[in-house]
């Protein structure tokens, strides 16, 4: 609500974006935000993710810890078995 008037839809969206940009501290920041918004409007969001070697190593270590924990849990839960030799 601005000056007692209610806005909705595109007008409200545009007004909020205008107020947000006006409150930013420097011209360079304002231009950067506006450029980012324009690129988002033109190109949309892309569904992709860069996976680095560091990410792969971290996931591998995480999986190794889970497997080790599960193996310890199974070893504690199962009773010892006796080897039976058949002739």
N, C-alpha and C. Protein backbone atom coordinates (compact mmCIF):
# COMPACT_ATOMS: atom_id res chain seq x y z
N UNK A 1 0.84 -1.16 0.00
CA UNK A 1 0.00 0.00 0.00
C UNK A 1 0.90 1.24 0.00
N UNK A 2 0.70 2.11 -0.97
CA UNK A 2 1.50 3.33 -1.09
C UNK A 2 0.53 4.51 -1.16
N UNK A 3 0.71 5.45 -0.23
CA UNK A 3 -0.18 6.63 -0.16
C UNK A 3 -1.66 6.22 -0.16
N UNK A 4 -1.95 5.12 0.54
CA UNK A 4 -3.33 4.67 0.66
C UNK A 4 -3.85 3.90 -0.54
N UNK A 5 -3.02 3.66 -1.54
CA UNK A 5 -3.44 2.91 -2.73
C UNK A 5 -2.84 1.52 -2.69
N UNK A 6 -3.64 0.54 -3.05
CA UNK A 6 -3.17 -0.85 -3.09
C UNK A 6 -2.74 -1.18 -4.51
N UNK A 7 -1.60 -1.81 -4.61
CA UNK A 7 -1.09 -2.23 -5.90
C UNK A 7 -0.90 -3.73 -5.88
N UNK A 8 -1.08 -4.34 -7.04
CA UNK A 8 -0.84 -5.78 -7.14
C UNK A 8 -0.36 -6.09 -8.55
N UNK A 9 0.11 -7.30 -8.71
CA UNK A 9 0.55 -7.75 -10.03
C UNK A 9 1.84 -7.10 -10.47
N UNK A 10 1.92 -6.84 -11.76
CA UNK A 10 3.14 -6.30 -12.36
C UNK A 10 3.49 -4.94 -11.78
N UNK A 11 2.50 -4.09 -11.54
CA UNK A 11 2.77 -2.74 -11.02
C UNK A 11 3.41 -2.83 -9.64
N UNK A 12 2.88 -3.69 -8.77
CA UNK A 12 3.44 -3.85 -7.43
C UNK A 12 4.85 -4.41 -7.51
N UNK A 13 5.05 -5.38 -8.40
CA UNK A 13 6.38 -5.96 -8.58
C UNK A 13 7.36 -4.88 -9.04
N UNK A 14 6.98 -4.08 -10.01
CA UNK A 14 7.84 -3.03 -10.55
C UNK A 14 8.15 -1.97 -9.48
N UNK A 15 7.13 -1.58 -8.71
CA UNK A 15 7.35 -0.59 -7.65
C UNK A 15 8.32 -1.11 -6.60
N UNK A 16 8.16 -2.36 -6.21
CA UNK A 16 9.05 -2.92 -5.18
C UNK A 16 10.48 -2.98 -5.69
N UNK A 17 10.65 -3.40 -6.94
CA UNK A 17 11.99 -3.45 -7.52
C UNK A 17 12.60 -2.04 -7.58
N UNK A 18 11.80 -1.05 -7.92
CA UNK A 18 12.28 0.32 -8.00
C UNK A 18 12.72 0.82 -6.63
N UNK A 19 11.92 0.57 -5.61
CA UNK A 19 12.27 0.98 -4.24
C UNK A 19 13.54 0.28 -3.78
N UNK A 20 13.64 -1.01 -4.08
CA UNK A 20 14.82 -1.79 -3.68
C UNK A 20 16.08 -1.19 -4.30
N UNK A 21 16.03 -0.91 -5.60
CA UNK A 21 17.21 -0.36 -6.28
C UNK A 21 17.55 1.02 -5.74
N UNK A 22 16.54 1.81 -5.46
CA UNK A 22 16.80 3.16 -4.94
C UNK A 22 17.47 3.13 -3.57
N UNK A 23 17.24 2.08 -2.78
CA UNK A 23 17.82 1.99 -1.45
C UNK A 23 19.25 1.44 -1.46
N UNK A 24 19.71 0.96 -2.58
CA UNK A 24 21.08 0.44 -2.65
C UNK A 24 22.07 1.60 -2.52
N UNK A 25 23.23 1.37 -1.91
CA UNK A 25 24.12 2.47 -1.54
C UNK A 25 24.87 3.15 -2.69
N UNK A 26 25.36 2.43 -3.67
CA UNK A 26 26.20 3.06 -4.69
C UNK A 26 25.65 2.80 -6.08
N UNK A 27 26.04 3.66 -7.00
CA UNK A 27 25.59 3.51 -8.38
C UNK A 27 26.08 2.20 -9.00
N UNK A 28 27.31 1.81 -8.68
CA UNK A 28 27.84 0.56 -9.24
C UNK A 28 27.02 -0.64 -8.77
N UNK A 29 26.64 -0.62 -7.50
CA UNK A 29 25.82 -1.71 -6.97
C UNK A 29 24.45 -1.71 -7.63
N UNK A 30 23.87 -0.53 -7.83
CA UNK A 30 22.56 -0.41 -8.48
C UNK A 30 22.63 -0.96 -9.90
N UNK A 31 23.68 -0.59 -10.63
CA UNK A 31 23.82 -1.08 -12.00
C UNK A 31 24.04 -2.58 -12.05
N UNK A 32 24.81 -3.10 -11.10
CA UNK A 32 25.06 -4.54 -11.06
C UNK A 32 23.78 -5.32 -10.79
N UNK A 33 22.96 -4.83 -9.86
CA UNK A 33 21.69 -5.49 -9.54
C UNK A 33 20.74 -5.42 -10.73
N UNK A 34 20.65 -4.25 -11.34
CA UNK A 34 19.77 -4.10 -12.51
C UNK A 34 20.21 -5.01 -13.65
N UNK A 35 21.52 -5.09 -13.89
CA UNK A 35 22.03 -5.97 -14.95
C UNK A 35 21.72 -7.44 -14.64
N UNK A 36 21.87 -7.80 -13.39
CA UNK A 36 21.57 -9.18 -12.99
C UNK A 36 20.09 -9.50 -13.21
N UNK A 37 19.23 -8.57 -12.83
CA UNK A 37 17.79 -8.79 -13.02
C UNK A 37 17.43 -8.87 -14.49
N UNK A 38 18.05 -8.02 -15.31
CA UNK A 38 17.77 -8.05 -16.75
C UNK A 38 18.22 -9.38 -17.36
N UNK A 39 19.39 -9.86 -16.95
CA UNK A 39 19.86 -11.15 -17.46
C UNK A 39 18.95 -12.28 -17.02
N UNK A 40 18.48 -12.22 -15.78
CA UNK A 40 17.54 -13.23 -15.29
C UNK A 40 16.24 -13.22 -16.07
N UNK A 41 15.77 -12.01 -16.41
CA UNK A 41 14.53 -11.92 -17.19
C UNK A 41 14.72 -12.45 -18.61
N UNK A 42 15.86 -12.14 -19.20
CA UNK A 42 16.11 -12.54 -20.58
C UNK A 42 16.42 -14.03 -20.73
N UNK A 43 17.22 -14.56 -19.83
CA UNK A 43 17.71 -15.92 -19.99
C UNK A 43 17.11 -16.92 -19.03
N UNK A 44 16.47 -16.48 -17.98
CA UNK A 44 15.90 -17.42 -17.01
C UNK A 44 16.99 -18.12 -16.22
N UNK A 45 16.58 -19.10 -15.45
CA UNK A 45 17.55 -19.85 -14.66
C UNK A 45 17.95 -21.10 -15.42
N UNK A 46 19.21 -21.43 -15.32
CA UNK A 46 19.72 -22.63 -15.96
C UNK A 46 19.93 -23.68 -14.88
N UNK A 47 19.51 -24.87 -15.19
CA UNK A 47 19.64 -25.96 -14.23
C UNK A 47 20.92 -26.71 -14.56
N UNK A 48 21.97 -26.28 -13.91
CA UNK A 48 23.26 -26.95 -14.09
C UNK A 48 24.08 -26.71 -12.84
N UNK A 49 25.06 -27.56 -12.67
CA UNK A 49 25.91 -27.41 -11.50
C UNK A 49 27.31 -27.88 -11.87
N UNK A 50 28.28 -27.11 -11.49
CA UNK A 50 29.65 -27.50 -11.73
C UNK A 50 30.12 -28.35 -10.57
N UNK A 51 30.62 -29.54 -10.88
CA UNK A 51 31.13 -30.43 -9.86
C UNK A 51 32.64 -30.47 -10.02
N UNK A 52 33.33 -30.09 -8.97
CA UNK A 52 34.79 -30.06 -9.01
C UNK A 52 35.35 -31.35 -8.42
N UNK A 53 36.64 -31.55 -8.60
CA UNK A 53 37.30 -32.72 -8.04
C UNK A 53 37.20 -32.71 -6.52
N UNK A 54 37.25 -31.53 -5.94
CA UNK A 54 37.13 -31.42 -4.48
C UNK A 54 35.75 -31.91 -4.03
N UNK A 55 34.71 -31.60 -4.79
CA UNK A 55 33.36 -32.08 -4.46
C UNK A 55 33.29 -33.60 -4.53
N UNK A 56 33.87 -34.17 -5.57
CA UNK A 56 33.87 -35.63 -5.72
C UNK A 56 34.62 -36.29 -4.57
N UNK A 57 35.76 -35.72 -4.19
CA UNK A 57 36.53 -36.28 -3.07
C UNK A 57 35.73 -36.18 -1.77
N UNK A 58 35.06 -35.09 -1.54
CA UNK A 58 34.27 -34.92 -0.32
C UNK A 58 33.13 -35.92 -0.28
N UNK A 59 32.46 -36.13 -1.39
CA UNK A 59 31.36 -37.10 -1.44
C UNK A 59 31.88 -38.50 -1.22
N UNK A 60 33.04 -38.81 -1.82
CA UNK A 60 33.63 -40.14 -1.65
C UNK A 60 33.98 -40.39 -0.19
N UNK A 61 34.59 -39.42 0.47
CA UNK A 61 34.92 -39.58 1.89
C UNK A 61 33.66 -39.73 2.73
N UNK A 62 32.64 -38.99 2.42
CA UNK A 62 31.38 -39.07 3.15
C UNK A 62 30.78 -40.47 3.00
N UNK A 63 30.77 -41.01 1.78
CA UNK A 63 30.23 -42.35 1.55
C UNK A 63 31.06 -43.42 2.26
N UNK A 64 32.39 -43.24 2.27
CA UNK A 64 33.25 -44.20 2.98
C UNK A 64 32.94 -44.21 4.47
N UNK A 65 32.72 -43.04 5.06
CA UNK A 65 32.37 -42.99 6.49
C UNK A 65 31.04 -43.68 6.76
N UNK A 66 30.07 -43.50 5.87
CA UNK A 66 28.77 -44.15 6.05
C UNK A 66 28.92 -45.66 5.94
N UNK A 67 29.67 -46.12 4.94
CA UNK A 67 29.86 -47.57 4.79
C UNK A 67 30.57 -48.17 5.99
N UNK A 68 31.60 -47.49 6.49
CA UNK A 68 32.33 -48.00 7.67
C UNK A 68 31.41 -48.05 8.88
N UNK A 69 30.59 -47.03 9.06
CA UNK A 69 29.66 -47.01 10.19
C UNK A 69 28.66 -48.16 10.09
N UNK A 70 28.14 -48.39 8.87
CA UNK A 70 27.19 -49.47 8.68
C UNK A 70 27.83 -50.83 8.90
N UNK A 71 29.08 -51.00 8.47
CA UNK A 71 29.78 -52.26 8.69
C UNK A 71 30.00 -52.52 10.17
N UNK A 72 30.36 -51.48 10.93
CA UNK A 72 30.53 -51.64 12.38
C UNK A 72 29.20 -52.00 13.04
N UNK A 73 28.13 -51.40 12.59
CA UNK A 73 26.81 -51.66 13.15
C UNK A 73 26.40 -53.11 12.87
N UNK A 74 26.65 -53.59 11.66
CA UNK A 74 26.30 -54.97 11.32
C UNK A 74 27.17 -55.95 12.10
N UNK A 75 28.45 -55.62 12.26
CA UNK A 75 29.35 -56.51 13.00
C UNK A 75 28.93 -56.63 14.45
N UNK A 76 28.45 -55.57 15.06
CA UNK A 76 28.00 -55.63 16.46
C UNK A 76 26.68 -56.37 16.58
N UNK A 77 25.82 -56.25 15.60
CA UNK A 77 24.48 -56.82 15.69
C UNK A 77 24.46 -58.32 15.42
N UNK A 78 25.34 -58.81 14.57
CA UNK A 78 25.28 -60.24 14.21
C UNK A 78 26.07 -61.06 15.22
N UNK A 79 25.53 -62.22 15.65
CA UNK A 79 26.23 -63.07 16.61
C UNK A 79 27.42 -63.75 15.92
N UNK A 80 28.42 -64.12 16.69
CA UNK A 80 29.57 -64.78 16.08
C UNK A 80 29.15 -66.13 15.49
N UNK A 81 29.72 -66.48 14.39
CA UNK A 81 29.39 -67.74 13.74
C UNK A 81 30.53 -68.71 13.92
N UNK A 82 30.17 -69.99 13.97
CA UNK A 82 31.19 -71.03 14.10
C UNK A 82 31.35 -71.69 12.75
N UNK A 83 32.59 -71.91 12.38
CA UNK A 83 32.85 -72.55 11.10
C UNK A 83 32.60 -74.06 11.27
N UNK A 84 31.81 -74.61 10.41
CA UNK A 84 31.52 -76.04 10.44
C UNK A 84 32.19 -76.66 9.22
N UNK A 85 32.95 -77.70 9.52
CA UNK A 85 33.67 -78.35 8.45
C UNK A 85 32.94 -79.63 8.05
N UNK A 86 32.61 -79.70 6.81
CA UNK A 86 31.93 -80.89 6.30
C UNK A 86 32.94 -81.81 5.64
N UNK A 87 32.78 -83.15 5.93
CA UNK A 87 33.69 -84.12 5.32
C UNK A 87 32.99 -84.84 4.22
